[in-house]
Amino acid sequence: MNKNDKKRPIHMVWFALAIAYLIAYVVLVIVKFSTPESGFAVNFFDKYVWIVKQTVTEGAEVIEVSPSMQQIALNSLINILLILSVAKILRMLFRLRSKKSDRTKTVVSLLDGFVKYGAAIAVIIYVLKACGVNTEALIASIGILALIVGLGAQSLIADIIAGMFIIFENEFNTGEIISIDGFRGEVIEIGIRTTKLLDAAGNIKIMNHSDIKNVVNLSREPSLAAVDVDFPYDVPIEYIEKLFDEKFAGLKDKIPGIITGPFYKGVSEYKDSNVTVKIVATCLEADRFQVQRDLLREYRAIITAEGIDISYPHVVIGQDEKSNIRVTQKDVKAANQFVEEQKELSKNLDDEHD
């Protein structure tokens, strides 16, 4: 059982308690306004929930009675529990909604951040109120405080604004694979201020939104899996192309990650002991590395089954045996036809490192 599975029952218990508390609060409000003569509900509501101001008359003068510390403390507790309950319900609903799609998950992640921080600020205000701090004066001064904080936290504001543009312009979503300044990873979270990327090694890179530049989204279109494979010089290239023509149709079934292909692109390099040719196929970016490994494995199996091996540095004592593979004019014609067909099929699939 992973960590998320262990936490799920705890989340469900808190969610059930939050629902029960919210229902109780709503029922109390309904009773208060539907039956104003109901003694306990009205008195409790006026005294502790909303703290209705009480007045007494002394002679001709009407004096306002300040609430007691007990009233303020209980009022703060009631409202803190209400805020936490609403925040818990919203965040749980966000989690359920985030399973719909990557785009929904991204927007929900941002809204979840606003709910989390907004609830924290509201709780702090009520805690201060319970401690006797004049929160009304504090709230009234928030405008001036925001100006001061804004002048001293311009980078924070820049991160928030940049994050909003990332969301609204749909540059990337949670679950997509992107590359930022050469760092490739899956977007696991888009917060209010930062984006988190998880690379193939399990490392998490945290980037401020205002620092995100030169983004390459690798998940919107199929990616190109390209491999270079070798064969020795004494094997005619037409023979290799004939093998590709015969075997390529079955490779897609053997490698389920392939979307289209594989395709033969032609000779890419002449090495000291081997000729190098390129094979490409399209696939999802998340499958690209595995598809490349599978293509290399299948190529090795194909040429090994034909008695062909890749040349490598070795010491020969005696006469080096040469391959006795020969091709006919029919093989050459078939290979040339295969090459032309592959050029047409893969004309829009160019490896950037070609």
Protein backbone atom coordinates (compact mmCIF):
# COMPACT_ATOMS: atom_id res chain seq x y z
CA MET A 1 0.00 0.00 0.00
CA ASN A 2 1.49 3.33 -1.04
CA LYS A 3 1.39 6.56 0.93
CA ASN A 4 -1.63 7.93 -0.95
CA ASP A 5 -3.64 4.76 -0.26
CA LYS A 6 -2.86 5.05 3.46
CA LYS A 7 -3.98 8.68 3.56
CA ARG A 8 -7.23 8.11 1.65
CA PRO A 9 -9.28 6.80 4.64
CA ILE A 10 -8.11 9.76 6.75
CA HIS A 11 -9.16 12.20 4.01
CA MET A 12 -12.56 10.53 3.76
CA VAL A 13 -13.11 10.79 7.54
CA TRP A 14 -12.22 14.49 7.53
CA PHE A 15 -14.45 15.00 4.49
CA ALA A 16 -17.40 13.32 6.26
CA LEU A 17 -16.86 15.44 9.39
CA ALA A 18 -16.67 18.60 7.28
CA ILE A 19 -19.94 17.72 5.52
CA ALA A 20 -21.63 17.01 8.87
CA TYR A 21 -20.42 20.31 10.37
CA LEU A 22 -21.53 22.32 7.33
CA ILE A 23 -24.97 20.67 7.40
CA ALA A 24 -25.32 21.47 11.11
CA TYR A 25 -24.36 25.10 10.48
CA VAL A 26 -26.84 25.44 7.61
CA VAL A 27 -29.63 23.84 9.70
CA LEU A 28 -28.92 26.32 12.51
CA VAL A 29 -29.17 29.25 10.07
CA ILE A 30 -32.44 27.91 8.66
CA VAL A 31 -33.92 27.47 12.13
CA LYS A 32 -32.80 30.97 13.10
CA PHE A 33 -34.57 32.68 10.19
CA SER A 34 -37.57 30.34 9.78
CA THR A 35 -38.57 30.23 13.45
CA PRO A 36 -37.35 33.48 15.04
CA GLU A 37 -39.20 32.59 18.26
CA SER A 38 -37.16 29.44 18.78
CA GLY A 39 -35.36 30.23 22.02
CA PHE A 40 -32.18 28.14 22.09
CA ALA A 41 -31.32 28.38 18.36
CA VAL A 42 -31.88 32.15 18.20
CA ASN A 43 -30.05 32.89 21.43
CA PHE A 44 -27.11 30.64 20.53
CA PHE A 45 -26.93 32.10 17.01
CA ASP A 46 -27.09 35.72 18.16
CA LYS A 47 -24.70 35.19 21.04
CA TYR A 48 -21.98 32.99 19.53
CA VAL A 49 -22.35 32.53 15.77
CA TRP A 50 -22.84 36.07 14.45
CA ILE A 51 -22.54 37.98 17.77
CA VAL A 52 -25.48 40.35 17.38
CA LYS A 53 -24.69 43.57 19.22
CA GLN A 54 -26.58 43.89 22.50
CA THR A 55 -27.67 47.20 24.05
CA VAL A 56 -28.89 48.21 27.47
CA THR A 57 -30.75 51.34 28.49
CA GLU A 58 -29.47 53.31 31.43
CA GLY A 59 -31.86 56.16 32.00
CA ALA A 60 -32.22 58.02 28.72
CA GLU A 61 -28.96 56.66 27.35
CA VAL A 62 -28.61 53.50 25.24
CA ILE A 63 -25.27 51.75 25.84
CA GLU A 64 -23.81 49.08 23.57
CA VAL A 65 -22.57 46.00 25.43
CA SER A 66 -19.27 44.60 24.21
CA PRO A 67 -19.15 40.82 23.70
CA SER A 68 -17.30 38.84 26.34
CA MET A 69 -14.03 37.01 25.65
CA GLN A 70 -15.96 33.75 25.94
CA GLN A 71 -18.30 34.85 23.14
CA ILE A 72 -15.40 35.98 20.93
CA ALA A 73 -13.44 32.77 21.52
CA LEU A 74 -16.41 30.50 20.78
CA ASN A 75 -17.40 32.61 17.76
CA SER A 76 -13.86 32.34 16.40
CA LEU A 77 -13.82 28.58 16.93
CA ILE A 78 -17.18 28.14 15.18
CA ASN A 79 -16.08 30.20 12.18
CA ILE A 80 -12.63 28.57 11.99
CA LEU A 81 -14.29 25.16 11.84
CA LEU A 82 -16.68 26.49 9.18
CA ILE A 83 -13.80 27.81 7.06
CA LEU A 84 -11.84 24.57 7.40
CA SER A 85 -14.94 22.51 6.56
CA VAL A 86 -15.73 24.53 3.41
CA ALA A 87 -12.06 24.45 2.36
CA LYS A 88 -11.89 20.67 2.90
CA ILE A 89 -15.06 20.06 0.89
CA LEU A 90 -13.90 22.28 -1.97
CA ARG A 91 -10.44 20.69 -2.08
CA MET A 92 -11.93 17.19 -2.05
CA LEU A 93 -14.27 18.14 -4.90
CA PHE A 94 -11.27 19.61 -6.74
CA ARG A 95 -9.41 16.30 -6.38
CA LEU A 96 -12.36 14.38 -7.80
CA ARG A 97 -12.69 16.84 -10.67
CA SER A 98 -8.95 16.78 -11.41
CA LYS A 99 -9.23 13.20 -12.70
CA LYS A 100 -11.22 14.35 -15.74
CA SER A 101 -8.38 15.71 -17.91
CA ASP A 102 -4.96 17.32 -17.78
CA ARG A 103 -6.44 20.76 -18.50
CA THR A 104 -8.99 20.41 -15.69
CA LYS A 105 -6.27 19.13 -13.37
CA THR A 106 -4.17 22.23 -14.06
CA VAL A 107 -6.97 24.73 -13.36
CA VAL A 108 -8.06 22.78 -10.28
CA SER A 109 -4.48 22.80 -8.97
CA LEU A 110 -4.43 26.60 -9.17
CA LEU A 111 -7.88 26.96 -7.53
CA ASP A 112 -6.82 24.53 -4.81
CA GLY A 113 -3.88 26.80 -4.02
CA PHE A 114 -6.14 29.85 -3.71
CA VAL A 115 -8.54 27.96 -1.40
CA LYS A 116 -5.69 26.66 0.75
CA TYR A 117 -4.00 30.03 1.24
CA GLY A 118 -7.31 31.91 1.54
CA ALA A 119 -8.48 29.54 4.30
CA ALA A 120 -5.15 29.92 6.10
CA ILE A 121 -5.44 33.73 6.07
CA ALA A 122 -9.04 33.62 7.34
CA VAL A 123 -8.08 31.21 10.14
CA ILE A 124 -5.22 33.49 11.20
CA ILE A 125 -7.61 36.45 11.37
CA TYR A 126 -10.06 34.55 13.60
CA VAL A 127 -7.25 33.26 15.83
CA LEU A 128 -6.07 36.84 16.32
CA LYS A 129 -9.66 37.87 17.04
CA ALA A 130 -9.93 35.17 19.69
CA CYS A 131 -6.73 36.49 21.25
CA GLY A 132 -8.25 39.96 21.63
CA VAL A 133 -6.68 41.64 18.59
CA ASN A 134 -8.86 44.27 16.89
CA THR A 135 -9.24 42.45 13.57
CA GLU A 136 -11.58 45.08 12.10
CA ALA A 137 -8.78 47.63 12.25
CA LEU A 138 -6.41 44.99 10.86
CA ILE A 139 -8.67 44.26 7.90
CA ALA A 140 -9.14 47.99 7.26
CA SER A 141 -5.37 48.39 7.05
CA ILE A 142 -4.95 45.54 4.57
CA GLY A 143 -5.00 48.00 1.65
CA ILE A 144 -1.99 49.88 3.00
CA LEU A 145 -0.34 46.62 4.02
CA ALA A 146 -0.87 45.18 0.52
CA LEU A 147 0.81 48.23 -1.00
CA ILE A 148 3.81 47.85 1.29
CA VAL A 149 4.07 44.11 0.63
CA GLY A 150 3.63 44.68 -3.10
CA LEU A 151 6.56 47.06 -3.22
CA GLY A 152 8.74 44.62 -1.32
CA ALA A 153 7.56 41.43 -3.05
CA GLN A 154 7.55 42.30 -6.73
CA SER A 155 9.01 38.89 -7.64
CA LEU A 156 6.12 37.15 -5.86
CA ILE A 157 3.56 39.21 -7.79
CA ALA A 158 5.46 38.53 -11.02
CA ASP A 159 5.32 34.78 -10.30
CA ILE A 160 1.56 34.88 -9.66
CA ILE A 161 0.85 36.90 -12.83
CA ALA A 162 3.12 34.68 -14.94
CA GLY A 163 1.33 31.61 -13.54
CA MET A 164 -2.05 33.06 -14.52
CA PHE A 165 -0.82 33.58 -18.10
CA ILE A 166 0.49 29.99 -18.20
CA ILE A 167 -2.97 28.71 -17.22
CA PHE A 168 -5.08 30.99 -19.41
CA GLU A 169 -2.86 30.67 -22.49
CA ASN A 170 -2.78 26.90 -22.02
CA GLU A 171 0.99 26.68 -22.46
CA PHE A 172 1.17 23.36 -20.60
CA ASN A 173 -0.98 21.34 -18.24
CA THR A 174 -0.44 18.99 -15.34
CA GLY A 175 0.55 15.54 -16.63
CA GLU A 176 2.22 16.81 -19.81
CA ILE A 177 5.91 16.38 -20.55
CA ILE A 178 7.77 19.62 -21.28
CA SER A 179 11.32 20.88 -21.63
CA ILE A 180 12.41 24.15 -20.00
CA ASP A 181 15.92 25.35 -20.81
CA GLY A 182 17.01 21.77 -21.47
CA PHE A 183 15.37 20.22 -18.39
CA ARG A 184 12.85 17.59 -19.49
CA GLY A 185 10.18 16.36 -17.10
CA GLU A 186 6.52 15.73 -16.41
CA VAL A 187 4.49 18.59 -14.93
CA ILE A 188 3.26 17.24 -11.60
CA GLU A 189 1.96 20.49 -10.11
CA ILE A 190 1.21 24.06 -11.16
CA GLY A 191 0.85 26.16 -8.04
CA ILE A 192 0.22 29.84 -7.43
CA ARG A 193 3.92 30.69 -7.49
CA THR A 194 5.84 27.67 -8.80
CA THR A 195 5.69 24.76 -11.23
CA LYS A 196 7.12 21.34 -10.32
CA LEU A 197 8.68 19.02 -12.91
CA LEU A 198 9.52 15.34 -12.34
CA ASP A 199 12.31 13.96 -14.54
CA ALA A 200 12.94 10.32 -15.52
CA ALA A 201 15.38 9.85 -12.62
CA GLY A 202 12.75 10.85 -10.04
CA ASN A 203 14.21 14.30 -9.40
CA ILE A 204 11.78 17.18 -8.85
CA LYS A 205 12.70 20.59 -10.23
CA ILE A 206 10.82 23.55 -8.76
CA MET A 207 10.73 26.65 -10.95
CA ASN A 208 9.25 30.07 -10.25
CA HIS A 209 6.72 31.02 -12.91
CA SER A 210 8.53 34.25 -13.78
CA ASP A 211 11.69 32.23 -14.52
CA ILE A 212 9.98 29.87 -16.98
CA LYS A 213 11.16 30.69 -20.48
CA ASN A 214 11.90 28.74 -23.67
CA VAL A 215 9.23 26.10 -22.98
CA VAL A 216 8.92 23.17 -25.37
CA ASN A 217 5.69 21.21 -24.93
CA LEU A 218 6.49 17.64 -25.95
CA SER A 219 3.04 16.14 -25.34
CA ARG A 220 0.72 18.00 -27.70
CA GLU A 221 1.86 16.17 -30.85
CA PRO A 222 3.34 12.70 -31.40
CA SER A 223 7.09 12.57 -30.76
CA LEU A 224 9.74 11.08 -33.02
CA ALA A 225 11.64 7.99 -31.89
CA ALA A 226 14.82 7.84 -34.02
CA VAL A 227 17.56 5.22 -33.85
CA ASP A 228 20.79 4.69 -35.77
CA VAL A 229 21.58 1.03 -36.53
CA ASP A 230 24.73 -0.49 -38.06
CA PHE A 231 25.63 -3.32 -40.41
CA PRO A 232 29.04 -4.34 -41.82
CA TYR A 233 30.37 -3.10 -45.16
CA ASP A 234 30.48 -6.58 -46.70
CA VAL A 235 26.68 -6.85 -46.49
CA PRO A 236 24.99 -5.11 -49.47
CA ILE A 237 22.74 -2.26 -48.42
CA GLU A 238 20.03 -3.56 -50.72
CA TYR A 239 19.91 -6.74 -48.65
CA ILE A 240 19.33 -4.75 -45.46
CA GLU A 241 16.63 -2.69 -47.17
CA LYS A 242 15.00 -5.92 -48.37
CA LEU A 243 14.91 -7.14 -44.75
CA PHE A 244 13.31 -3.88 -43.65
CA ASP A 245 10.68 -4.21 -46.36
CA GLU A 246 9.80 -7.68 -45.13
CA LYS A 247 9.98 -7.07 -41.36
CA PHE A 248 8.72 -3.51 -40.78
CA ALA A 249 5.04 -4.43 -41.05
CA GLY A 250 5.35 -6.75 -38.04
CA LEU A 251 7.34 -4.38 -35.84
CA LYS A 252 4.34 -2.20 -35.01
CA ASP A 253 2.59 -5.22 -33.50
CA LYS A 254 5.68 -6.13 -31.49
CA ILE A 255 6.19 -2.57 -30.23
CA PRO A 256 2.76 -1.30 -29.06
CA GLY A 257 4.13 2.17 -28.26
CA ILE A 258 4.50 2.97 -31.96
CA ILE A 259 1.76 5.18 -33.43
CA THR A 260 2.98 5.25 -37.05
CA GLY A 261 5.95 3.52 -38.60
CA PRO A 262 8.63 2.42 -38.36
CA PHE A 263 10.12 4.10 -41.42
CA TYR A 264 13.51 3.78 -43.08
CA LYS A 265 15.22 7.16 -43.61
CA GLY A 266 18.39 5.95 -45.39
CA VAL A 267 22.12 6.07 -44.72
CA SER A 268 23.12 8.55 -42.00
CA GLU A 269 26.83 7.81 -41.52
CA TYR A 270 29.81 5.74 -42.69
CA LYS A 271 31.84 4.50 -39.74
CA ASP A 272 35.20 2.74 -39.60
CA SER A 273 33.70 -0.74 -39.69
CA ASN A 274 29.99 -0.29 -40.30
CA VAL A 275 27.39 1.55 -42.32
CA THR A 276 24.82 3.41 -40.20
CA VAL A 277 21.21 3.79 -41.29
CA LYS A 278 18.36 5.57 -39.53
CA ILE A 279 14.97 4.18 -38.51
CA VAL A 280 12.20 6.45 -37.18
CA ALA A 281 8.69 6.01 -35.76
CA THR A 282 6.15 8.27 -34.07
CA CYS A 283 4.95 7.66 -30.52
CA LEU A 284 3.85 9.46 -27.37
CA GLU A 285 6.62 11.44 -25.70
CA ALA A 286 6.22 9.33 -22.54
CA ASP A 287 6.99 6.20 -24.64
CA ARG A 288 9.80 7.64 -26.77
CA PHE A 289 12.81 6.20 -24.96
CA GLN A 290 11.26 2.75 -24.60
CA VAL A 291 10.25 2.69 -28.27
CA GLN A 292 13.84 3.55 -29.25
CA ARG A 293 15.15 0.70 -27.07
CA ASP A 294 12.60 -1.72 -28.56
CA LEU A 295 13.55 -0.70 -32.12
CA LEU A 296 17.22 -1.37 -31.40
CA ARG A 297 16.37 -4.75 -29.90
CA GLU A 298 14.18 -5.81 -32.81
CA TYR A 299 16.81 -4.71 -35.34
CA ARG A 300 19.40 -6.82 -33.56
CA ALA A 301 17.05 -9.81 -33.66
CA ILE A 302 16.37 -9.30 -37.39
CA ILE A 303 20.01 -9.22 -38.52
CA THR A 304 21.10 -11.96 -36.09
CA ALA A 305 18.43 -14.28 -37.54
CA GLU A 306 20.02 -13.67 -40.98
CA GLY A 307 23.51 -14.54 -39.75
CA ILE A 308 24.66 -10.89 -39.85
CA ASP A 309 26.60 -9.33 -37.03
CA ILE A 310 27.86 -5.80 -36.41
CA SER A 311 31.58 -5.37 -36.87
CA TYR A 312 33.62 -4.41 -33.83
CA PRO A 313 37.37 -4.01 -33.12
CA HIS A 314 38.96 -7.43 -32.72
CA VAL A 315 42.22 -9.28 -33.35
CA VAL A 316 42.09 -11.76 -36.23
CA ILE A 317 44.56 -14.65 -36.35
CA GLY A 318 44.37 -16.14 -39.78
CA GLN A 319 42.00 -15.31 -42.62
CA ASP A 320 38.97 -13.19 -41.74
CA GLU A 321 35.83 -14.80 -43.12
CA LYS A 322 33.76 -12.67 -45.42
CA SER A 323 30.04 -12.69 -45.72
CA ASN A 324 28.73 -14.71 -48.65
CA ILE A 325 25.49 -12.76 -48.91
CA ARG A 326 24.64 -11.85 -52.47
CA VAL A 327 21.73 -9.89 -53.94
CA THR A 328 20.04 -10.37 -57.27
CA GLN A 329 18.78 -7.69 -59.63
CA LYS A 330 15.31 -8.48 -58.37
CA ASP A 331 16.46 -7.74 -54.79
CA VAL A 332 18.04 -4.47 -55.91
CA LYS A 333 14.86 -3.42 -57.70
CA ALA A 334 12.73 -4.31 -54.69
CA ALA A 335 15.09 -2.44 -52.36
CA ASN A 336 15.01 0.69 -54.53
CA GLN A 337 11.22 0.60 -54.61
CA PHE A 338 11.13 0.18 -50.81
CA VAL A 339 13.47 3.15 -50.32
CA GLU A 340 11.34 5.42 -52.48
CA GLU A 341 8.17 4.37 -50.65
CA GLN A 342 9.80 5.02 -47.29
CA LYS A 343 10.99 8.45 -48.38
CA GLU A 344 7.41 9.41 -49.25
CA LEU A 345 5.92 7.94 -46.09
CA SER A 346 8.45 9.60 -43.76
CA LYS A 347 9.03 12.89 -45.59
CA ASN A 348 7.66 14.94 -42.65
CA LEU A 349 9.55 12.98 -40.01
CA ASP A 350 13.00 14.50 -39.80
CA ASP A 351 15.20 13.85 -36.80
CA GLU A 352 16.42 17.20 -35.43
CA HIS A 353 19.88 15.66 -34.93
CA ASP A 354 20.04 14.40 -38.49
